[in-house]
Amino acid sequence: MGFYAKVIRRSGGGLKKLFVPKRRRSIVKVGFPAGEVKSSVIMRAIYNEFGTRGSGKGFKTERGGGFGGPIPERPFLRNAMRENRDAYRAAMRAAARRIFAKKLPVGEELRRLGVKAQGDVQKSIQTLTSPPNSPLTIALKGSDKPLIDTGEMGQAVTFKVEE
């Protein structure tokens, strides 16, 4: 899910589009960047975000347990983006005003937005309760809290600004 902003600046009596060359567009990405996060954490995030069908063969967890059932979809990333969409849009509008007033550069404004979105995704991981863990999963990890076992996935959420 992405959010895009078209920058239109009022000048005189009319509107003037601000042209930003394609090679100079800046973007902030939030999630689990490849190469910066362990691949096992990325796979765990993907499996939980989108769910799995289950192999039926079982697989081993890092803690030694094994199970092969499907993992239900627990869209923590999409939920965080959907639930905070209006806040992100408002933040981008405010950022555009500061950029035009030359108070802060684009990269700094995107870093601010990245910090907010990173916190929102981490909060979504911590607060998600449905669908609940299976009884087998609860027995294996000793907790009924979906998405949280060691806390590694939540800690791995980060953001990256590309300028």
N, C-alpha and C. Protein backbone atom coordinates (compact mmCIF):
# COMPACT_ATOMS: atom_id res chain seq x y z
N MET A 1 0.86 -1.16 0.00
CA MET A 1 0.00 0.00 0.00
C MET A 1 0.91 1.22 0.00
N GLY A 2 0.65 2.15 -0.86
CA GLY A 2 1.48 3.34 -0.93
C GLY A 2 0.65 4.60 -0.82
N PHE A 3 1.30 5.65 -0.49
CA PHE A 3 0.68 6.95 -0.41
C PHE A 3 1.49 7.88 -1.28
N TYR A 4 0.81 8.65 -2.08
CA TYR A 4 1.50 9.56 -2.98
C TYR A 4 0.97 10.97 -2.76
N ALA A 5 1.83 11.94 -2.93
CA ALA A 5 1.42 13.33 -2.78
C ALA A 5 1.76 14.07 -4.06
N LYS A 6 0.80 14.79 -4.59
CA LYS A 6 1.03 15.66 -5.71
C LYS A 6 1.18 17.05 -5.12
N VAL A 7 2.28 17.68 -5.40
CA VAL A 7 2.56 18.98 -4.81
C VAL A 7 2.07 20.07 -5.76
N ILE A 8 1.14 20.87 -5.27
CA ILE A 8 0.62 22.01 -6.03
C ILE A 8 0.83 23.24 -5.19
N ARG A 9 1.44 24.25 -5.77
CA ARG A 9 1.75 25.46 -5.03
C ARG A 9 0.96 26.63 -5.58
N ARG A 10 0.36 27.37 -4.68
CA ARG A 10 -0.38 28.56 -5.09
C ARG A 10 0.62 29.68 -5.34
N SER A 11 0.51 30.29 -6.50
CA SER A 11 1.38 31.43 -6.78
C SER A 11 0.54 32.49 -7.48
N GLY A 12 0.52 33.66 -6.92
CA GLY A 12 -0.32 34.72 -7.49
C GLY A 12 -1.78 34.33 -7.35
N GLY A 13 -2.50 34.38 -8.47
CA GLY A 13 -3.93 34.07 -8.43
C GLY A 13 -4.24 32.65 -8.83
N GLY A 14 -3.26 31.88 -9.31
CA GLY A 14 -3.56 30.54 -9.80
C GLY A 14 -2.75 29.47 -9.11
N LEU A 15 -2.89 28.27 -9.61
CA LEU A 15 -2.15 27.14 -9.08
C LEU A 15 -1.01 26.80 -10.02
N LYS A 16 0.08 26.40 -9.47
CA LYS A 16 1.25 26.05 -10.27
C LYS A 16 1.75 24.69 -9.78
N LYS A 17 1.85 23.73 -10.67
CA LYS A 17 2.38 22.41 -10.30
C LYS A 17 3.87 22.52 -10.12
N LEU A 18 4.35 21.93 -9.07
CA LEU A 18 5.79 21.88 -8.85
C LEU A 18 6.32 20.62 -9.53
N PHE A 19 7.19 20.80 -10.48
CA PHE A 19 7.74 19.67 -11.22
C PHE A 19 8.94 19.11 -10.46
N VAL A 20 8.88 17.82 -10.18
CA VAL A 20 9.99 17.14 -9.53
C VAL A 20 10.46 16.07 -10.51
N PRO A 21 11.69 16.20 -11.03
CA PRO A 21 12.17 15.19 -11.98
C PRO A 21 12.14 13.80 -11.35
N LYS A 22 11.87 12.79 -12.15
CA LYS A 22 11.73 11.42 -11.67
C LYS A 22 12.95 10.95 -10.87
N ARG A 23 14.12 11.27 -11.33
CA ARG A 23 15.32 10.81 -10.65
C ARG A 23 15.53 11.49 -9.30
N ARG A 24 14.78 12.54 -9.02
CA ARG A 24 14.96 13.27 -7.77
C ARG A 24 13.82 13.02 -6.79
N ARG A 25 12.90 12.15 -7.12
CA ARG A 25 11.80 11.88 -6.20
C ARG A 25 12.32 11.16 -4.98
N SER A 26 11.82 11.55 -3.85
CA SER A 26 12.21 10.92 -2.59
C SER A 26 11.06 10.05 -2.10
N ILE A 27 11.42 8.99 -1.38
CA ILE A 27 10.40 8.06 -0.90
C ILE A 27 10.83 7.51 0.46
N VAL A 28 9.85 7.20 1.29
CA VAL A 28 10.13 6.53 2.56
C VAL A 28 9.45 5.17 2.50
N LYS A 29 10.20 4.13 2.86
CA LYS A 29 9.69 2.77 2.89
C LYS A 29 9.75 2.26 4.32
N VAL A 30 8.67 1.61 4.74
CA VAL A 30 8.59 1.08 6.10
C VAL A 30 8.36 -0.42 6.03
N GLY A 31 9.11 -1.17 6.83
CA GLY A 31 8.93 -2.61 6.86
C GLY A 31 10.19 -3.33 7.26
N PHE A 32 10.55 -4.33 6.45
CA PHE A 32 11.67 -5.21 6.75
C PHE A 32 12.61 -5.23 5.54
N PRO A 33 13.53 -4.28 5.44
CA PRO A 33 14.38 -4.20 4.25
C PRO A 33 15.30 -5.41 4.10
N ALA A 34 15.29 -5.97 2.90
CA ALA A 34 16.18 -7.10 2.59
C ALA A 34 17.62 -6.65 2.75
N GLY A 35 18.43 -7.51 3.32
CA GLY A 35 19.84 -7.19 3.52
C GLY A 35 20.11 -6.49 4.84
N GLU A 36 19.07 -5.94 5.46
CA GLU A 36 19.23 -5.25 6.74
C GLU A 36 18.56 -6.02 7.88
N VAL A 37 17.70 -6.96 7.51
CA VAL A 37 16.96 -7.76 8.49
C VAL A 37 17.18 -9.23 8.12
N LYS A 38 17.30 -10.08 9.13
CA LYS A 38 17.51 -11.51 8.88
C LYS A 38 16.37 -12.05 8.01
N SER A 39 16.74 -12.91 7.07
CA SER A 39 15.73 -13.46 6.16
C SER A 39 14.67 -14.27 6.91
N SER A 40 15.03 -14.89 8.01
CA SER A 40 14.04 -15.66 8.78
C SER A 40 12.97 -14.74 9.37
N VAL A 41 13.35 -13.54 9.74
CA VAL A 41 12.39 -12.56 10.27
C VAL A 41 11.49 -12.07 9.14
N ILE A 42 12.08 -11.82 7.98
CA ILE A 42 11.29 -11.37 6.82
C ILE A 42 10.27 -12.43 6.44
N MET A 43 10.68 -13.69 6.40
CA MET A 43 9.76 -14.77 6.05
C MET A 43 8.64 -14.90 7.08
N ARG A 44 8.99 -14.77 8.35
CA ARG A 44 7.97 -14.84 9.40
C ARG A 44 6.96 -13.70 9.24
N ALA A 45 7.45 -12.52 8.90
CA ALA A 45 6.57 -11.38 8.68
C ALA A 45 5.64 -11.62 7.49
N ILE A 46 6.18 -12.16 6.41
CA ILE A 46 5.38 -12.45 5.22
C ILE A 46 4.33 -13.51 5.53
N TYR A 47 4.73 -14.59 6.20
CA TYR A 47 3.79 -15.66 6.54
C TYR A 47 2.64 -15.13 7.39
N ASN A 48 2.94 -14.25 8.33
CA ASN A 48 1.88 -13.73 9.20
C ASN A 48 1.05 -12.66 8.51
N GLU A 49 1.68 -11.82 7.72
CA GLU A 49 0.94 -10.76 7.02
C GLU A 49 -0.09 -11.35 6.05
N PHE A 50 0.31 -12.34 5.28
CA PHE A 50 -0.55 -12.88 4.23
C PHE A 50 -1.12 -14.26 4.53
N GLY A 51 -0.61 -14.94 5.56
CA GLY A 51 -1.07 -16.28 5.89
C GLY A 51 -0.45 -17.32 4.98
N THR A 52 -0.63 -18.59 5.35
CA THR A 52 -0.13 -19.70 4.53
C THR A 52 -1.21 -20.77 4.46
N ARG A 53 -1.05 -21.63 3.51
CA ARG A 53 -1.98 -22.76 3.40
C ARG A 53 -1.57 -23.89 4.32
N GLY A 54 -0.32 -23.96 4.68
CA GLY A 54 0.19 -25.06 5.51
C GLY A 54 0.65 -26.20 4.63
N SER A 55 1.72 -26.81 5.03
CA SER A 55 2.29 -27.88 4.22
C SER A 55 1.69 -29.23 4.56
N GLY A 56 1.19 -29.35 5.79
CA GLY A 56 0.70 -30.64 6.24
C GLY A 56 1.83 -31.58 6.65
N LYS A 57 3.07 -31.20 6.32
CA LYS A 57 4.22 -32.04 6.62
C LYS A 57 4.87 -31.66 7.94
N GLY A 58 4.57 -30.49 8.41
CA GLY A 58 5.21 -30.01 9.63
C GLY A 58 6.54 -29.36 9.32
N PHE A 59 6.92 -28.41 10.10
CA PHE A 59 8.24 -27.82 9.97
C PHE A 59 8.71 -27.46 11.36
N LYS A 60 10.01 -27.36 11.50
CA LYS A 60 10.60 -27.12 12.81
C LYS A 60 10.72 -25.62 13.08
N THR A 61 10.38 -25.24 14.29
CA THR A 61 10.57 -23.86 14.70
C THR A 61 11.95 -23.73 15.32
N GLU A 62 12.40 -22.49 15.53
CA GLU A 62 13.71 -22.27 16.14
C GLU A 62 13.78 -22.84 17.55
N ARG A 63 12.63 -22.97 18.21
CA ARG A 63 12.59 -23.47 19.58
C ARG A 63 12.44 -24.99 19.63
N GLY A 64 12.44 -25.64 18.45
CA GLY A 64 12.42 -27.09 18.44
C GLY A 64 11.06 -27.72 18.19
N GLY A 65 10.00 -26.95 18.29
CA GLY A 65 8.68 -27.51 18.06
C GLY A 65 8.42 -27.66 16.58
N GLY A 66 7.35 -28.32 16.22
CA GLY A 66 7.02 -28.47 14.82
C GLY A 66 5.53 -28.54 14.63
N PHE A 67 5.04 -27.96 13.56
CA PHE A 67 3.64 -28.03 13.22
C PHE A 67 3.51 -27.73 11.74
N GLY A 68 2.44 -28.18 11.12
CA GLY A 68 2.32 -28.02 9.69
C GLY A 68 1.02 -27.40 9.24
N GLY A 69 0.24 -26.93 10.18
CA GLY A 69 -1.04 -26.34 9.82
C GLY A 69 -0.89 -24.98 9.17
N PRO A 70 -1.97 -24.47 8.62
CA PRO A 70 -1.91 -23.16 7.99
C PRO A 70 -1.74 -22.05 9.03
N ILE A 71 -1.09 -20.97 8.62
CA ILE A 71 -0.97 -19.77 9.46
C ILE A 71 -2.04 -18.81 8.95
N PRO A 72 -2.95 -18.39 9.81
CA PRO A 72 -3.98 -17.47 9.35
C PRO A 72 -3.40 -16.09 9.05
N GLU A 73 -4.05 -15.37 8.17
CA GLU A 73 -3.62 -14.02 7.80
C GLU A 73 -3.76 -13.09 9.00
N ARG A 74 -2.68 -12.41 9.34
CA ARG A 74 -2.67 -11.41 10.41
C ARG A 74 -2.00 -10.16 9.85
N PRO A 75 -2.77 -9.34 9.15
CA PRO A 75 -2.20 -8.22 8.38
C PRO A 75 -1.80 -7.02 9.24
N PHE A 76 -0.76 -7.16 10.02
CA PHE A 76 -0.31 -6.08 10.90
C PHE A 76 0.20 -4.87 10.13
N LEU A 77 0.87 -5.10 9.00
CA LEU A 77 1.42 -3.99 8.21
C LEU A 77 0.29 -3.24 7.49
N ARG A 78 -0.57 -3.97 6.81
CA ARG A 78 -1.69 -3.33 6.11
C ARG A 78 -2.64 -2.65 7.09
N ASN A 79 -2.88 -3.27 8.25
CA ASN A 79 -3.74 -2.64 9.26
C ASN A 79 -3.17 -1.30 9.71
N ALA A 80 -1.87 -1.27 9.98
CA ALA A 80 -1.23 -0.03 10.44
C ALA A 80 -1.36 1.06 9.39
N MET A 81 -1.16 0.72 8.12
CA MET A 81 -1.26 1.72 7.05
C MET A 81 -2.70 2.21 6.90
N ARG A 82 -3.66 1.28 6.92
CA ARG A 82 -5.07 1.66 6.78
C ARG A 82 -5.55 2.52 7.95
N GLU A 83 -5.21 2.11 9.17
CA GLU A 83 -5.69 2.81 10.36
C GLU A 83 -5.09 4.20 10.51
N ASN A 84 -3.94 4.44 9.90
CA ASN A 84 -3.26 5.73 10.06
C ASN A 84 -3.20 6.54 8.78
N ARG A 85 -3.94 6.14 7.77
CA ARG A 85 -3.92 6.80 6.47
C ARG A 85 -4.17 8.30 6.59
N ASP A 86 -5.20 8.68 7.32
CA ASP A 86 -5.52 10.11 7.44
C ASP A 86 -4.41 10.87 8.16
N ALA A 87 -3.82 10.25 9.17
CA ALA A 87 -2.72 10.90 9.89
C ALA A 87 -1.51 11.09 8.98
N TYR A 88 -1.23 10.09 8.11
CA TYR A 88 -0.10 10.22 7.19
C TYR A 88 -0.36 11.32 6.17
N ARG A 89 -1.59 11.39 5.67
CA ARG A 89 -1.92 12.46 4.72
C ARG A 89 -1.78 13.83 5.36
N ALA A 90 -2.26 13.97 6.59
CA ALA A 90 -2.14 15.25 7.29
C ALA A 90 -0.67 15.58 7.53
N ALA A 91 0.12 14.57 7.88
CA ALA A 91 1.55 14.80 8.10
C ALA A 91 2.24 15.22 6.82
N MET A 92 1.83 14.63 5.68
CA MET A 92 2.44 15.01 4.40
C MET A 92 2.04 16.43 4.01
N ARG A 93 0.80 16.82 4.29
CA ARG A 93 0.38 18.20 4.00
C ARG A 93 1.19 19.19 4.83
N ALA A 94 1.32 18.89 6.13
CA ALA A 94 2.11 19.77 7.00
C ALA A 94 3.57 19.80 6.57
N ALA A 95 4.09 18.65 6.16
CA ALA A 95 5.48 18.59 5.70
C ALA A 95 5.66 19.44 4.44
N ALA A 96 4.70 19.38 3.53
CA ALA A 96 4.80 20.18 2.30
C ALA A 96 4.87 21.67 2.64
N ARG A 97 4.07 22.09 3.61
CA ARG A 97 4.11 23.51 4.02
C ARG A 97 5.49 23.89 4.55
N ARG A 98 6.07 23.01 5.38
CA ARG A 98 7.39 23.31 5.94
C ARG A 98 8.48 23.28 4.87
N ILE A 99 8.33 22.37 3.92
CA ILE A 99 9.32 22.29 2.83
C ILE A 99 9.28 23.57 2.01
N PHE A 100 8.07 24.03 1.66
CA PHE A 100 7.96 25.25 0.87
C PHE A 100 8.41 26.48 1.65
N ALA A 101 8.24 26.45 2.96
CA ALA A 101 8.70 27.57 3.79
C ALA A 101 10.20 27.44 4.07
N LYS A 102 10.80 26.37 3.55
CA LYS A 102 12.23 26.10 3.69
C LYS A 102 12.66 25.94 5.15
N LYS A 103 11.75 25.38 5.96
CA LYS A 103 12.10 25.13 7.36
C LYS A 103 12.87 23.82 7.51
N LEU A 104 12.48 22.80 6.75
CA LEU A 104 13.18 21.51 6.80
C LEU A 104 13.28 20.93 5.39
N PRO A 105 14.37 20.22 5.10
CA PRO A 105 14.49 19.58 3.78
C PRO A 105 13.58 18.36 3.66
N VAL A 106 13.35 17.94 2.42
CA VAL A 106 12.46 16.82 2.13
C VAL A 106 12.90 15.56 2.88
N GLY A 107 14.18 15.25 2.85
CA GLY A 107 14.67 14.03 3.51
C GLY A 107 14.36 14.01 5.00
N GLU A 108 14.48 15.15 5.66
CA GLU A 108 14.19 15.22 7.09
C GLU A 108 12.70 15.01 7.36
N GLU A 109 11.87 15.58 6.50
CA GLU A 109 10.41 15.39 6.65
C GLU A 109 10.04 13.92 6.45
N LEU A 110 10.67 13.27 5.47
CA LEU A 110 10.40 11.85 5.25
C LEU A 110 10.89 11.00 6.41
N ARG A 111 12.00 11.37 7.01
CA ARG A 111 12.48 10.64 8.19
C ARG A 111 11.46 10.75 9.34
N ARG A 112 10.89 11.92 9.51
CA ARG A 112 9.85 12.09 10.54
C ARG A 112 8.67 11.17 10.28
N LEU A 113 8.22 11.14 9.02
CA LEU A 113 7.11 10.28 8.65
C LEU A 113 7.48 8.81 8.83
N GLY A 114 8.73 8.44 8.51
CA GLY A 114 9.19 7.07 8.68
C GLY A 114 9.18 6.64 10.14
N VAL A 115 9.61 7.53 11.03
CA VAL A 115 9.61 7.22 12.47
C VAL A 115 8.18 6.97 12.95
N LYS A 116 7.24 7.81 12.50
CA LYS A 116 5.84 7.64 12.90
C LYS A 116 5.29 6.31 12.38
N ALA A 117 5.51 6.04 11.09
CA ALA A 117 4.99 4.80 10.50
C ALA A 117 5.63 3.57 11.13
N GLN A 118 6.92 3.62 11.43
CA GLN A 118 7.59 2.51 12.09
C GLN A 118 6.93 2.23 13.43
N GLY A 119 6.67 3.26 14.21
CA GLY A 119 6.01 3.09 15.50
C GLY A 119 4.60 2.53 15.35
N ASP A 120 3.89 2.97 14.30
CA ASP A 120 2.53 2.48 14.08
C ASP A 120 2.53 0.99 13.74
N VAL A 121 3.49 0.54 12.94
CA VAL A 121 3.57 -0.89 12.59
C VAL A 121 3.94 -1.69 13.84
N GLN A 122 4.88 -1.21 14.63
CA GLN A 122 5.26 -1.92 15.86
C GLN A 122 4.07 -2.00 16.82
N LYS A 123 3.30 -0.94 16.91
CA LYS A 123 2.12 -0.95 17.77
C LYS A 123 1.09 -1.96 17.25
N SER A 124 0.94 -2.03 15.93
CA SER A 124 0.01 -2.98 15.33
C SER A 124 0.42 -4.41 15.66
N ILE A 125 1.72 -4.70 15.62
CA ILE A 125 2.21 -6.04 15.97
C ILE A 125 1.88 -6.35 17.43
N GLN A 126 2.07 -5.37 18.31
CA GLN A 126 1.87 -5.59 19.74
C GLN A 126 0.40 -5.74 20.11
N THR A 127 -0.49 -5.05 19.38
CA THR A 127 -1.89 -5.03 19.79
C THR A 127 -2.79 -6.01 19.04
N LEU A 128 -2.29 -6.62 17.97
CA LEU A 128 -3.12 -7.55 17.20
C LEU A 128 -3.47 -8.77 18.06
N THR A 129 -4.74 -9.12 18.11
CA THR A 129 -5.18 -10.26 18.92
C THR A 129 -5.98 -11.28 18.12
N SER A 130 -6.33 -10.96 16.90
CA SER A 130 -7.19 -11.84 16.13
C SER A 130 -6.60 -12.05 14.74
N PRO A 131 -6.65 -13.25 14.23
CA PRO A 131 -7.14 -14.47 14.85
C PRO A 131 -6.17 -14.97 15.91
N PRO A 132 -6.71 -15.61 16.93
CA PRO A 132 -5.85 -16.08 18.03
C PRO A 132 -4.94 -17.22 17.60
N ASN A 133 -3.91 -17.45 18.38
CA ASN A 133 -3.02 -18.59 18.15
C ASN A 133 -3.77 -19.89 18.38
N SER A 134 -3.34 -20.92 17.71
CA SER A 134 -3.92 -22.25 17.91
C SER A 134 -3.47 -22.78 19.27
N PRO A 135 -4.19 -23.73 19.83
CA PRO A 135 -3.76 -24.32 21.10
C PRO A 135 -2.35 -24.91 21.03
N LEU A 136 -1.98 -25.50 19.88
CA LEU A 136 -0.65 -26.05 19.73
C LEU A 136 0.41 -24.95 19.78
N THR A 137 0.16 -23.85 19.10
CA THR A 137 1.10 -22.72 19.11
C THR A 137 1.23 -22.16 20.52
N ILE A 138 0.14 -22.02 21.22
CA ILE A 138 0.17 -21.52 22.60
C ILE A 138 1.01 -22.44 23.47
N ALA A 139 0.82 -23.75 23.29
CA ALA A 139 1.61 -24.71 24.07
C ALA A 139 3.09 -24.63 23.73
N LEU A 140 3.42 -24.46 22.45
CA LEU A 140 4.82 -24.41 22.02
C LEU A 140 5.53 -23.15 22.51
N LYS A 141 4.86 -22.01 22.42
CA LYS A 141 5.56 -20.78 22.78
C LYS A 141 5.20 -20.27 24.17
N GLY A 142 4.19 -20.85 24.79
CA GLY A 142 3.85 -20.48 26.15
C GLY A 142 3.13 -19.15 26.26
N SER A 143 2.50 -18.71 25.17
CA SER A 143 1.79 -17.44 25.17
C SER A 143 0.66 -17.49 24.15
N ASP A 144 -0.41 -16.76 24.42
CA ASP A 144 -1.51 -16.71 23.46
C ASP A 144 -1.47 -15.43 22.62
N LYS A 145 -0.36 -14.71 22.67
CA LYS A 145 -0.21 -13.44 21.96
C LYS A 145 0.26 -13.69 20.53
N PRO A 146 -0.62 -13.48 19.52
CA PRO A 146 -0.18 -13.65 18.13
C PRO A 146 0.92 -12.64 17.79
N LEU A 147 1.81 -13.03 16.91
CA LEU A 147 2.90 -12.21 16.38
C LEU A 147 4.02 -11.93 17.36
N ILE A 148 3.84 -12.27 18.63
CA ILE A 148 4.89 -11.97 19.60
C ILE A 148 5.36 -13.25 20.25
N ASP A 149 6.63 -13.54 20.08
CA ASP A 149 7.26 -14.67 20.75
C ASP A 149 8.51 -14.12 21.43
N THR A 150 9.51 -13.80 20.64
CA THR A 150 10.75 -13.25 21.20
C THR A 150 10.80 -11.73 21.09
N GLY A 151 9.90 -11.13 20.30
CA GLY A 151 9.91 -9.69 20.07
C GLY A 151 10.80 -9.28 18.91
N GLU A 152 11.46 -10.28 18.30
CA GLU A 152 12.41 -10.00 17.23
C GLU A 152 11.76 -9.34 16.02
N MET A 153 10.56 -9.78 15.65
CA MET A 153 9.91 -9.22 14.46
C MET A 153 9.56 -7.74 14.67
N GLY A 154 9.00 -7.41 15.83
CA GLY A 154 8.67 -6.02 16.11
C GLY A 154 9.89 -5.12 16.14
N GLN A 155 10.97 -5.63 16.70
CA GLN A 155 12.21 -4.85 16.77
C GLN A 155 12.85 -4.67 15.41
N ALA A 156 12.55 -5.57 14.47
CA ALA A 156 13.17 -5.50 13.14
C ALA A 156 12.49 -4.50 12.20
N VAL A 157 11.29 -4.03 12.57
CA VAL A 157 10.60 -3.06 11.73
C VAL A 157 11.43 -1.79 11.69
N THR A 158 11.65 -1.29 10.49
CA THR A 158 12.43 -0.08 10.34
C THR A 158 11.93 0.71 9.14
N PHE A 159 12.55 1.82 8.87
CA PHE A 159 12.20 2.61 7.70
C PHE A 159 13.47 3.03 6.98
N LYS A 160 13.29 3.36 5.72
CA LYS A 160 14.43 3.75 4.89
C LYS A 160 13.97 4.90 3.99
N VAL A 161 14.76 5.96 3.96
CA VAL A 161 14.45 7.10 3.08
C VAL A 161 15.36 7.00 1.88
N GLU A 162 14.76 7.01 0.70
CA GLU A 162 15.52 6.99 -0.55
C GLU A 162 15.38 8.34 -1.21
N GLU A 163 16.49 9.02 -1.36
CA GLU A 163 16.45 10.36 -1.97
C GLU A 163 17.12 10.36 -3.31
